[in-house]
N, C-alpha and C. Protein backbone atom coordinates (compact mmCIF):
# COMPACT_ATOMS: atom_id res chain seq x y z
N UNK A 1 22.70 20.31 33.42
CA UNK A 1 22.84 20.52 31.81
C UNK A 1 22.73 19.22 31.06
N UNK A 2 22.75 17.63 31.58
CA UNK A 2 22.77 16.55 31.41
C UNK A 2 20.88 16.51 31.03
N UNK A 3 20.53 16.95 31.82
CA UNK A 3 18.55 17.14 31.71
C UNK A 3 18.10 17.72 30.38
N UNK A 4 18.95 18.96 30.33
CA UNK A 4 18.40 19.65 29.32
C UNK A 4 18.86 19.18 27.78
N UNK A 5 20.16 18.25 27.75
CA UNK A 5 20.71 17.48 26.72
C UNK A 5 19.89 16.40 26.16
N UNK A 6 19.47 15.68 27.10
CA UNK A 6 18.36 14.50 26.64
C UNK A 6 17.45 14.92 26.30
N UNK A 7 16.66 15.78 26.78
CA UNK A 7 15.38 16.39 26.56
C UNK A 7 15.25 16.91 25.00
N UNK A 8 16.16 17.56 24.59
CA UNK A 8 16.76 18.25 23.24
C UNK A 8 16.92 17.05 22.35
N UNK A 9 17.49 15.78 22.60
CA UNK A 9 18.03 14.78 21.77
C UNK A 9 16.50 14.00 21.73
N UNK A 10 15.74 13.91 22.63
CA UNK A 10 14.37 13.30 22.55
C UNK A 10 13.34 13.95 21.38
N UNK A 11 13.28 15.18 21.68
CA UNK A 11 12.57 16.19 20.90
C UNK A 11 13.14 16.18 19.26
N UNK A 12 14.08 15.87 19.27
CA UNK A 12 14.68 15.91 17.59
C UNK A 12 14.30 14.39 17.24
N UNK A 13 14.53 13.62 17.96
CA UNK A 13 14.31 12.21 17.46
C UNK A 13 12.63 11.63 17.15
N UNK A 14 11.88 12.48 17.84
CA UNK A 14 10.27 11.92 17.74
C UNK A 14 10.13 12.41 16.11
N UNK A 15 10.09 13.67 15.69
CA UNK A 15 9.91 14.37 14.32
C UNK A 15 10.69 13.21 13.33
N UNK A 16 11.86 12.84 14.08
CA UNK A 16 12.56 11.97 12.42
C UNK A 16 11.67 10.90 12.45
N UNK A 17 10.92 10.19 13.37
CA UNK A 17 10.21 8.63 13.37
C UNK A 17 8.73 9.14 12.81
N UNK A 18 8.18 10.56 12.94
CA UNK A 18 6.94 10.71 12.28
C UNK A 18 6.92 10.47 11.00
N UNK A 19 8.15 11.24 10.52
CA UNK A 19 8.44 11.54 8.93
C UNK A 19 8.47 10.40 8.26
N UNK A 20 8.64 8.93 9.02
CA UNK A 20 8.97 7.81 8.38
C UNK A 20 7.42 7.55 7.82
N UNK A 21 6.48 7.59 8.62
CA UNK A 21 4.96 7.08 8.17
C UNK A 21 4.28 8.17 7.09
N UNK A 22 3.88 7.50 6.12
CA UNK A 22 3.38 8.55 5.07
C UNK A 22 1.89 8.03 4.99
N UNK A 23 0.73 8.56 4.72
CA UNK A 23 -0.34 8.14 4.31
C UNK A 23 -0.87 8.72 2.90
N UNK A 24 -1.52 7.96 2.05
CA UNK A 24 -1.51 7.91 0.75
C UNK A 24 -3.07 7.29 0.55
N UNK A 25 -4.20 8.26 0.04
CA UNK A 25 -5.26 7.88 -0.57
C UNK A 25 -5.38 7.82 -1.98
N UNK A 26 -5.67 6.29 -2.59
CA UNK A 26 -5.51 6.05 -3.93
C UNK A 26 -7.11 5.65 -3.89
N UNK A 27 -7.72 5.81 -5.55
CA UNK A 27 -8.90 5.61 -6.29
C UNK A 27 -8.44 4.48 -7.33
N UNK A 28 -8.74 3.36 -7.46
CA UNK A 28 -8.80 2.14 -8.45
C UNK A 28 -9.59 2.91 -9.63
N UNK A 29 -8.78 3.57 -10.83
CA UNK A 29 -9.76 4.13 -11.71
C UNK A 29 -10.78 3.20 -12.14
N UNK A 30 -12.02 3.83 -12.58
CA UNK A 30 -12.78 2.82 -13.18
C UNK A 30 -13.55 2.07 -12.41
N UNK A 31 -13.22 2.36 -10.94
CA UNK A 31 -14.46 1.54 -9.72
C UNK A 31 -14.53 2.17 -9.11
N UNK A 32 -15.52 1.72 -7.74
CA UNK A 32 -15.62 2.63 -6.74
C UNK A 32 -14.58 2.34 -5.31
N UNK A 33 -13.66 1.78 -5.62
CA UNK A 33 -12.75 1.47 -4.49
C UNK A 33 -11.83 2.62 -4.55
N UNK A 34 -11.89 3.19 -3.04
CA UNK A 34 -10.94 4.18 -2.56
C UNK A 34 -10.09 3.45 -1.30
N UNK A 35 -8.95 3.70 -1.36
CA UNK A 35 -8.08 2.72 -0.32
C UNK A 35 -7.01 3.79 0.15
N UNK A 36 -6.85 3.62 1.33
CA UNK A 36 -6.46 4.31 2.35
C UNK A 36 -4.89 3.43 2.81
N UNK A 37 -3.63 3.83 2.09
CA UNK A 37 -2.44 3.11 2.46
C UNK A 37 -1.78 3.96 3.37
N UNK A 38 -1.24 3.03 4.48
CA UNK A 38 -0.39 3.76 5.50
C UNK A 38 1.18 3.05 5.07
N UNK A 39 2.06 4.05 4.94
CA UNK A 39 3.49 3.37 4.46
C UNK A 39 4.35 3.71 5.75
N UNK A 40 5.04 2.69 5.86
CA UNK A 40 6.30 3.00 7.17
C UNK A 40 7.46 2.19 6.48
N UNK A 41 8.21 2.87 5.92
CA UNK A 41 9.50 2.56 5.45
C UNK A 41 9.34 1.47 4.43
N UNK A 42 9.54 0.16 4.43
CA UNK A 42 9.25 -0.91 3.48
C UNK A 42 7.73 -1.58 3.81
N UNK A 43 7.09 -1.25 4.62
CA UNK A 43 5.65 -1.80 5.19
C UNK A 43 4.84 -1.07 4.83
N UNK A 44 3.55 -1.78 4.41
CA UNK A 44 2.34 -1.05 3.94
C UNK A 44 1.18 -1.73 4.83
N UNK A 45 0.51 -0.95 4.76
CA UNK A 45 -1.04 -1.39 5.39
C UNK A 45 -2.27 -0.81 4.39
N UNK A 46 -3.31 -1.35 4.05
CA UNK A 46 -4.17 -0.92 3.29
C UNK A 46 -5.75 -0.85 3.99
N UNK A 47 -6.34 0.13 3.85
CA UNK A 47 -8.03 0.08 4.38
C UNK A 47 -8.73 0.88 3.33
N UNK A 48 -10.05 -0.14 3.41
CA UNK A 48 -11.04 0.52 2.20
C UNK A 48 -12.38 0.38 3.24
N UNK A 49 -13.08 1.14 3.34
CA UNK A 49 -14.42 0.77 3.68
C UNK A 49 -15.22 1.94 3.18
N UNK A 50 -15.88 1.57 2.19
CA UNK A 50 -16.78 2.23 1.49
C UNK A 50 -18.06 1.59 0.64
N UNK A 51 -18.68 1.92 -0.38
CA UNK A 51 -19.80 1.55 -0.71
C UNK A 51 -19.26 0.14 -1.62
N UNK A 52 -17.91 0.36 -1.91
CA UNK A 52 -17.58 -1.13 -2.72
C UNK A 52 -16.97 -1.93 -2.13
N UNK A 53 -16.71 -1.74 -1.22
CA UNK A 53 -16.11 -3.06 -0.18
C UNK A 53 -15.45 -2.70 1.04
N UNK A 54 -15.19 -3.62 2.06
CA UNK A 54 -14.36 -3.68 3.38
C UNK A 54 -13.00 -4.51 3.13
N UNK A 55 -12.02 -3.85 3.10
CA UNK A 55 -10.86 -4.39 2.82
C UNK A 55 -9.79 -4.21 4.09
N UNK A 56 -8.93 -4.96 4.52
CA UNK A 56 -7.88 -4.65 4.91
C UNK A 56 -6.81 -5.49 4.51
N UNK A 57 -5.51 -4.94 4.72
CA UNK A 57 -4.67 -5.57 4.33
C UNK A 57 -3.11 -5.30 4.56
N UNK A 58 -2.30 -6.08 4.64
CA UNK A 58 -0.49 -5.65 5.00
C UNK A 58 0.18 -6.17 3.90
N UNK A 59 1.39 -5.36 3.80
CA UNK A 59 2.32 -5.95 2.90
C UNK A 59 3.49 -5.35 2.95
N UNK A 60 4.57 -5.30 1.69
CA UNK A 60 5.73 -4.56 1.81
C UNK A 60 6.12 -3.91 0.62
N UNK A 61 6.89 -2.89 0.66
CA UNK A 61 7.39 -2.14 -0.82
C UNK A 61 8.72 -3.05 -0.90
N UNK A 62 8.90 -3.35 -2.18
CA UNK A 62 9.95 -4.17 -2.62
C UNK A 62 10.49 -3.45 -3.96
N UNK A 63 11.73 -3.87 -3.95
CA UNK A 63 12.56 -3.51 -5.52
C UNK A 63 12.46 -4.89 -6.02
N UNK A 64 12.03 -4.95 -7.26
CA UNK A 64 11.53 -6.14 -8.29
C UNK A 64 12.63 -5.73 -9.76
N UNK A 65 13.42 -7.05 -9.81
CA UNK A 65 14.12 -6.71 -11.18
C UNK A 65 13.10 -7.58 -12.31
N UNK A 66 13.02 -6.94 -13.04
CA UNK A 66 12.31 -7.33 -14.35
C UNK A 66 13.07 -8.06 -15.42
N UNK A 67 12.28 -8.76 -16.55
CA UNK A 67 12.89 -9.24 -17.38
C UNK A 67 14.14 -7.98 -17.91
N UNK A 68 15.10 -8.25 -18.59
CA UNK A 68 15.98 -7.90 -19.17
C UNK A 68 16.65 -6.75 -18.33
N UNK A 69 16.34 -7.07 -16.78
CA UNK A 69 17.29 -6.61 -15.72
C UNK A 69 16.91 -4.96 -15.04
N UNK A 70 16.37 -4.50 -16.12
CA UNK A 70 15.44 -3.44 -14.90
C UNK A 70 14.90 -3.53 -13.90
N UNK A 71 15.27 -2.39 -13.14
CA UNK A 71 14.82 -2.45 -11.49
C UNK A 71 13.39 -1.60 -11.65
N UNK A 72 12.24 -2.23 -10.68
CA UNK A 72 11.22 -1.33 -10.52
C UNK A 72 11.06 -1.50 -9.26
N UNK A 73 9.98 -0.83 -8.50
CA UNK A 73 9.58 -0.55 -6.93
C UNK A 73 8.11 -1.22 -7.05
N UNK A 74 7.63 -1.76 -6.19
CA UNK A 74 6.29 -2.64 -6.10
C UNK A 74 5.85 -2.51 -4.53
N UNK A 75 4.76 -2.07 -4.39
CA UNK A 75 4.08 -2.28 -3.12
C UNK A 75 3.14 -3.78 -3.20
N UNK A 76 3.37 -4.73 -2.74
CA UNK A 76 2.70 -6.23 -2.42
C UNK A 76 1.94 -6.14 -1.45
N UNK A 77 0.59 -6.24 -1.47
CA UNK A 77 -0.62 -6.42 -0.42
C UNK A 77 -1.40 -7.30 -0.31
N UNK A 78 -1.39 -8.11 0.82
CA UNK A 78 -2.40 -9.39 0.70
C UNK A 78 -3.67 -9.04 2.05
N UNK A 79 -4.82 -9.52 1.70
CA UNK A 79 -5.44 -9.59 2.78
C UNK A 79 -7.10 -10.24 2.52
N UNK A 80 -7.80 -9.80 3.24
CA UNK A 80 -9.04 -10.21 2.56
C UNK A 80 -10.13 -9.11 2.36
N UNK A 81 -11.22 -9.29 1.93
CA UNK A 81 -11.82 -8.51 1.25
C UNK A 81 -13.60 -8.81 1.24
N UNK A 82 -14.48 -7.93 1.79
CA UNK A 82 -16.01 -7.91 1.66
C UNK A 82 -16.39 -7.23 0.41
N UNK A 83 -17.28 -7.41 -0.36
CA UNK A 83 -18.50 -8.53 -0.34
C UNK A 83 -17.68 -10.08 -1.21
N UNK A 84 -16.60 -10.04 -1.10
CA UNK A 84 -16.13 -11.27 -2.31
C UNK A 84 -16.73 -12.52 -1.46
N UNK A 85 -17.09 -13.69 -2.11
CA UNK A 85 -17.87 -14.42 -1.36
C UNK A 85 -16.82 -15.31 -0.18
N UNK A 86 -17.20 -15.43 0.62
CA UNK A 86 -16.25 -15.85 1.80
C UNK A 86 -14.89 -15.41 1.94
N UNK A 87 -15.04 -14.22 1.79
CA UNK A 87 -13.86 -13.41 2.14
C UNK A 87 -12.67 -13.87 1.39
N UNK A 88 -12.50 -14.01 0.11
CA UNK A 88 -11.34 -14.72 -0.30
C UNK A 88 -10.06 -13.95 -0.19
N UNK A 89 -9.11 -14.73 0.25
CA UNK A 89 -7.64 -13.97 0.00
C UNK A 89 -7.25 -13.39 -1.14
N UNK A 90 -6.95 -12.41 -1.37
CA UNK A 90 -6.29 -11.78 -2.30
C UNK A 90 -4.86 -10.77 -2.22
N UNK A 91 -4.10 -10.85 -3.35
CA UNK A 91 -2.72 -9.93 -3.15
C UNK A 91 -3.11 -9.11 -4.44
N UNK A 92 -2.69 -7.59 -3.94
CA UNK A 92 -2.65 -6.73 -4.76
C UNK A 92 -1.42 -6.11 -5.30
N UNK A 93 -0.81 -6.20 -6.29
CA UNK A 93 0.44 -5.42 -6.68
C UNK A 93 0.28 -3.97 -7.16
N UNK A 94 0.79 -2.62 -6.68
CA UNK A 94 0.88 -1.64 -6.95
C UNK A 94 2.07 -1.03 -7.26
N UNK A 95 2.33 -0.33 -8.39
CA UNK A 95 3.55 0.15 -8.75
C UNK A 95 3.36 1.36 -7.89
N UNK A 96 5.27 1.89 -7.18
CA UNK A 96 5.05 2.71 -6.44
C UNK A 96 6.77 3.14 -6.37
N UNK A 97 6.85 4.24 -6.22
CA UNK A 97 5.98 5.35 -5.43
C UNK A 97 4.67 5.75 -5.85
N UNK A 98 3.54 5.87 -5.36
CA UNK A 98 2.40 6.23 -5.55
C UNK A 98 1.94 7.58 -6.45
N UNK A 99 1.95 7.21 -7.37
CA UNK A 99 1.61 8.55 -8.02
C UNK A 99 0.70 8.50 -9.17
N UNK A 100 -0.27 9.22 -9.43
CA UNK A 100 -1.55 9.28 -10.35
C UNK A 100 -0.69 8.64 -11.53
N UNK A 101 -1.58 7.50 -12.04
CA UNK A 101 -1.21 6.75 -13.54
C UNK A 101 -0.66 5.71 -13.16
N UNK A 102 -0.23 5.16 -11.78
CA UNK A 102 0.37 4.07 -11.63
C UNK A 102 -0.44 2.87 -11.68
N UNK A 103 0.03 1.63 -11.74
CA UNK A 103 -0.77 0.48 -12.36
C UNK A 103 -0.91 -0.46 -10.87
N UNK A 104 -2.13 -1.34 -11.05
CA UNK A 104 -2.25 -1.97 -10.04
C UNK A 104 -2.91 -3.44 -10.78
N UNK A 105 -2.54 -4.56 -9.87
CA UNK A 105 -3.22 -6.12 -10.52
C UNK A 105 -3.43 -6.80 -9.44
N UNK A 106 -4.34 -7.30 -9.28
CA UNK A 106 -5.25 -8.04 -8.14
C UNK A 106 -5.00 -9.48 -8.46
N UNK A 107 -4.83 -10.38 -7.67
CA UNK A 107 -5.19 -12.08 -7.59
C UNK A 107 -6.02 -12.61 -6.61
N UNK A 108 -6.31 -13.51 -6.86
CA UNK A 108 -7.11 -14.24 -5.52
C UNK A 108 -7.11 -15.84 -5.71
N UNK A 109 -7.40 -16.36 -4.64
CA UNK A 109 -8.05 -17.72 -4.67
C UNK A 109 -9.04 -18.05 -3.67
N UNK A 110 -9.88 -19.11 -3.96
CA UNK A 110 -11.07 -19.57 -3.95
C UNK A 110 -10.69 -20.87 -2.57
N UNK A 111 -9.95 -21.44 -3.12
CA UNK A 111 -9.38 -22.78 -2.44
C UNK A 111 -8.14 -22.77 -1.93
N UNK A 112 -7.26 -21.92 -2.33
CA UNK A 112 -5.54 -22.20 -1.60
C UNK A 112 -4.96 -22.70 -2.78
N UNK A 113 -5.45 -23.14 -3.92
CA UNK A 113 -4.39 -23.90 -4.92
C UNK A 113 -4.78 -23.48 -6.09
N UNK A 114 -5.89 -22.74 -6.52
CA UNK A 114 -6.09 -22.17 -7.82
C UNK A 114 -5.93 -20.60 -7.79
N UNK A 115 -5.14 -19.84 -8.49
CA UNK A 115 -4.98 -18.53 -8.62
C UNK A 115 -6.07 -17.89 -9.62
N UNK A 116 -6.87 -16.69 -9.30
CA UNK A 116 -7.71 -16.13 -10.28
C UNK A 116 -7.43 -14.55 -10.38
N UNK A 117 -7.76 -14.26 -11.61
CA UNK A 117 -7.27 -12.68 -12.22
C UNK A 117 -8.42 -12.07 -11.56
N UNK A 118 -7.99 -11.02 -10.60
CA UNK A 118 -8.83 -10.14 -9.91
C UNK A 118 -9.22 -8.98 -10.61
N UNK A 119 -8.49 -8.76 -11.35
CA UNK A 119 -8.37 -7.27 -11.86
C UNK A 119 -7.11 -6.57 -12.13
N UNK A 120 -7.05 -5.47 -13.16
CA UNK A 120 -5.81 -4.52 -13.27
C UNK A 120 -6.48 -3.44 -13.63
N UNK A 121 -5.48 -2.11 -13.70
CA UNK A 121 -5.80 -1.11 -14.25
C UNK A 121 -4.82 -0.19 -13.61
N UNK A 122 -5.44 0.88 -13.60
CA UNK A 122 -4.51 2.15 -12.97
C UNK A 122 -5.27 2.88 -11.69
N UNK A 123 -4.55 3.78 -10.92
CA UNK A 123 -5.30 4.30 -10.01
C UNK A 123 -4.56 5.83 -10.08
N UNK A 124 -5.39 6.66 -9.23
CA UNK A 124 -5.71 8.24 -8.91
C UNK A 124 -4.96 8.48 -7.68
N UNK A 125 -4.10 9.27 -7.06
CA UNK A 125 -3.83 9.41 -5.91
C UNK A 125 -4.89 10.82 -5.67
N UNK A 126 -5.43 10.90 -4.47
CA UNK A 126 -6.60 11.57 -4.07
C UNK A 126 -6.02 12.66 -2.89
N UNK A 127 -5.37 12.07 -2.19
CA UNK A 127 -4.68 12.77 -1.29
C UNK A 127 -3.18 12.23 -0.67
N UNK A 128 -2.72 12.98 -0.25
CA UNK A 128 -1.29 12.67 0.26
C UNK A 128 -0.46 12.31 -1.05
N UNK A 129 1.04 12.31 -0.46
CA UNK A 129 1.81 12.39 -1.85
C UNK A 129 2.97 11.28 -1.33
N UNK A 130 3.44 10.74 -2.40
CA UNK A 130 4.65 9.39 -1.84
C UNK A 130 5.99 9.81 -2.66
N UNK A 131 6.44 10.41 -2.03
CA UNK A 131 7.94 10.68 -3.25
C UNK A 131 8.76 9.88 -2.91
N UNK A 132 8.48 8.28 -2.53
CA UNK A 132 9.27 7.34 -2.25
C UNK A 132 10.15 7.21 -1.27
N UNK A 133 10.95 5.93 -1.35
CA UNK A 133 11.54 5.85 0.46
C UNK A 133 12.20 6.88 0.39
């Protein structure tokens, strides 16, 4: 009887863990960038390998307090991208949960001292859905 109970508990636990991982594919509007995002609770990984760029990044999903006290949720992802010269390190902020029309902003540094604007805009969800945490 104990063996059957243990098997049942493990069977129930595995699907619960699998539901924590979500995959969402987004396109940065007005660019050729298509990025696959893998979300596991509050951690996020980004992968792009298209005609536009090769990008790999990791980050976190955080709740941020805006001026005036309102809370918003953001995914902050950092990494390196080609074909940027010398694969400059970058950080991209995404509005989260991921829904079409969400906003993104990117910054980067060539020397680790000066921050440069890397663009901003909206994104479109192509595949998957993110109902939030």
